[in-house]
Protein backbone atom coordinates (compact mmCIF):
# COMPACT_ATOMS: atom_id res chain seq x y z
CA UNK A 1 208.09 -44.48 -133.04
CA UNK A 2 207.00 -44.69 -136.62
CA UNK A 3 204.98 -42.01 -138.34
CA UNK A 4 202.64 -42.68 -141.14
CA UNK A 5 203.60 -40.65 -144.29
CA UNK A 6 199.94 -40.32 -145.23
CA UNK A 7 199.21 -38.56 -141.93
CA UNK A 8 201.50 -35.64 -142.87
CA UNK A 9 199.72 -34.95 -146.16
CA UNK A 10 196.77 -32.61 -146.33
CA UNK A 11 193.56 -34.45 -146.93
CA UNK A 12 192.42 -34.60 -150.54
CA UNK A 13 188.99 -33.30 -151.36
CA UNK A 14 186.62 -36.06 -152.32
CA UNK A 15 186.41 -36.79 -156.03
CA UNK A 16 182.80 -35.71 -156.13
CA UNK A 17 183.66 -32.21 -154.79
CA UNK A 18 186.49 -31.92 -157.29
CA UNK A 19 184.13 -32.87 -160.10
CA UNK A 20 181.59 -30.26 -158.96
CA UNK A 21 184.24 -27.55 -158.91
CA UNK A 22 185.41 -28.50 -162.38
CA UNK A 23 181.87 -28.43 -163.77
CA UNK A 24 181.21 -25.07 -162.10
CA UNK A 25 184.41 -23.65 -163.59
CA UNK A 26 183.50 -24.93 -167.07
CA UNK A 27 179.97 -23.47 -166.84
CA UNK A 28 181.37 -20.17 -165.52
CA UNK A 29 183.82 -19.97 -168.45
CA UNK A 30 181.12 -21.00 -170.93
CA UNK A 31 178.89 -18.14 -169.76
CA UNK A 32 181.53 -15.45 -169.26
CA UNK A 33 183.50 -16.19 -172.42
CA UNK A 34 180.70 -15.32 -174.85
CA UNK A 35 179.68 -12.35 -172.70
CA UNK A 36 183.22 -10.98 -172.86
CA UNK A 37 183.33 -11.47 -176.64
CA UNK A 38 179.93 -9.76 -176.96
CA UNK A 39 181.08 -6.81 -174.82
CA UNK A 40 184.20 -6.38 -176.93
CA UNK A 41 182.22 -6.59 -180.17
CA UNK A 42 179.63 -4.05 -179.01
CA UNK A 43 182.16 -1.53 -177.69
CA UNK A 44 184.65 -1.87 -180.58
CA UNK A 45 184.93 1.43 -182.43
CA UNK A 46 183.22 3.51 -179.75
CA UNK A 47 185.00 6.69 -178.60
CA UNK A 48 186.83 6.56 -175.30
CA UNK A 49 185.93 8.73 -172.31
CA UNK A 50 188.52 11.37 -173.24
CA UNK A 51 187.02 11.80 -176.70
CA UNK A 52 183.53 12.17 -175.23
CA UNK A 53 184.75 14.77 -172.74
CA UNK A 54 186.51 16.65 -175.57
CA UNK A 55 183.24 16.69 -177.52
CA UNK A 56 181.49 18.19 -174.50
CA UNK A 57 184.11 20.97 -174.26
CA UNK A 58 183.25 22.35 -177.69
CA UNK A 59 181.30 25.57 -178.10
CA UNK A 60 178.45 23.78 -179.84
CA UNK A 61 176.01 21.17 -178.62
CA UNK A 62 176.77 17.60 -179.72
CA UNK A 63 173.67 15.42 -179.90
CA UNK A 64 174.12 11.70 -179.17
CA UNK A 65 171.63 9.36 -180.92
CA UNK A 66 171.02 5.64 -180.55
CA UNK A 67 170.88 3.08 -183.38
CA UNK A 68 167.16 3.83 -183.91
CA UNK A 69 167.99 7.54 -184.40
CA UNK A 70 166.41 8.56 -181.09
CA UNK A 71 168.09 11.33 -179.11
CA UNK A 72 169.88 9.92 -176.06
CA UNK A 73 171.40 13.10 -174.62
CA UNK A 74 173.21 16.28 -175.60
CA UNK A 75 176.86 17.04 -174.71
CA UNK A 76 177.82 20.65 -174.19
CA UNK A 77 179.94 23.03 -172.19
CA UNK A 78 177.47 25.83 -172.78
CA UNK A 79 174.17 25.26 -174.48
CA UNK A 80 174.17 27.62 -177.42
CA UNK A 81 171.20 27.57 -179.73
CA UNK A 82 171.31 29.58 -182.93
CA UNK A 83 168.35 31.90 -183.25
CA UNK A 84 167.78 34.20 -186.23
CA UNK A 85 168.30 37.86 -185.38
CA UNK A 86 164.71 38.50 -186.47
CA UNK A 87 163.52 36.41 -183.47
CA UNK A 88 165.66 38.31 -180.93
CA UNK A 89 164.01 41.16 -179.08
CA UNK A 90 165.19 44.57 -180.36
CA UNK A 91 165.56 45.65 -176.73
CA UNK A 92 168.08 42.85 -176.15
CA UNK A 93 170.01 43.84 -179.28
CA UNK A 94 170.17 47.47 -178.13
CA UNK A 95 171.20 46.43 -174.61
CA UNK A 96 174.08 44.29 -175.87
CA UNK A 97 175.25 47.07 -178.21
CA UNK A 98 175.04 49.62 -175.39
CA UNK A 99 177.18 47.47 -173.12
CA UNK A 100 179.75 46.55 -175.79
CA UNK A 101 180.05 49.91 -177.57
CA UNK A 102 178.10 52.89 -176.31
CA UNK A 103 179.04 54.97 -179.39
CA UNK A 104 178.03 52.31 -181.96
CA UNK A 105 175.19 54.32 -183.48
CA UNK A 106 177.46 57.37 -183.96
CA UNK A 107 180.23 55.53 -185.86
CA UNK A 108 178.33 52.70 -187.62
CA UNK A 109 180.69 49.96 -186.48
CA UNK A 110 184.12 51.57 -186.97
CA UNK A 111 185.24 53.88 -184.16
CA UNK A 112 188.29 55.61 -185.63
CA UNK A 113 189.28 57.14 -182.28
CA UNK A 114 189.25 53.75 -180.52
CA UNK A 115 191.11 52.05 -183.39
CA UNK A 116 193.83 54.72 -183.21
CA UNK A 117 194.02 54.36 -179.42
CA UNK A 118 194.38 50.58 -179.77
CA UNK A 119 197.18 50.98 -182.33
CA UNK A 120 199.03 53.45 -180.08
CA UNK A 121 198.58 51.18 -177.09
CA UNK A 122 199.85 48.11 -178.93
CA UNK A 123 202.97 49.91 -180.23
CA UNK A 124 203.99 51.49 -176.92
CA UNK A 125 205.33 49.69 -173.88
CA UNK A 126 202.47 47.86 -172.14
CA UNK A 127 202.15 46.38 -168.74
CA UNK A 128 202.75 42.63 -168.76
CA UNK A 129 199.77 40.50 -169.70
CA UNK A 130 197.40 43.38 -170.31
CA UNK A 131 195.28 43.94 -173.38
CA UNK A 132 193.78 47.11 -174.80
CA UNK A 133 190.32 45.90 -173.78
CA UNK A 134 191.30 45.55 -170.13
CA UNK A 135 193.22 48.86 -170.21
CA UNK A 136 190.28 50.71 -171.78
CA UNK A 137 187.54 49.08 -169.71
CA UNK A 138 186.12 51.36 -166.98
CA UNK A 139 185.83 48.38 -164.59
CA UNK A 140 189.52 47.42 -164.91
């Protein structure tokens, strides 16, 4: 029994289908090629994601603007806005001073007793990882 060698081969796609696939591939490459070049050109020189995240971790607000100088969005870890002391309520100033240093108005900014205690503390043996502020704090 003789077998036909052509019967063992997989059938070829018709020439018309092959031509359509070739044209589709050429059109696809003709559209995607310029788009890829455009994307590379537009993004060249832009910061990477790590640099943007690092900018957001700073203590100040970083404002991001577009090419027309319109604000797109701010990046910040904490939004800190500088306000002149003259615009801050005196009650808030007194409250912060009271919490930070209850004797501030008696020593005008330099508490000799606390400075001496800090010097003694720093020169004597301390517990590991502890600072004078945590040792002195009533909540510690």
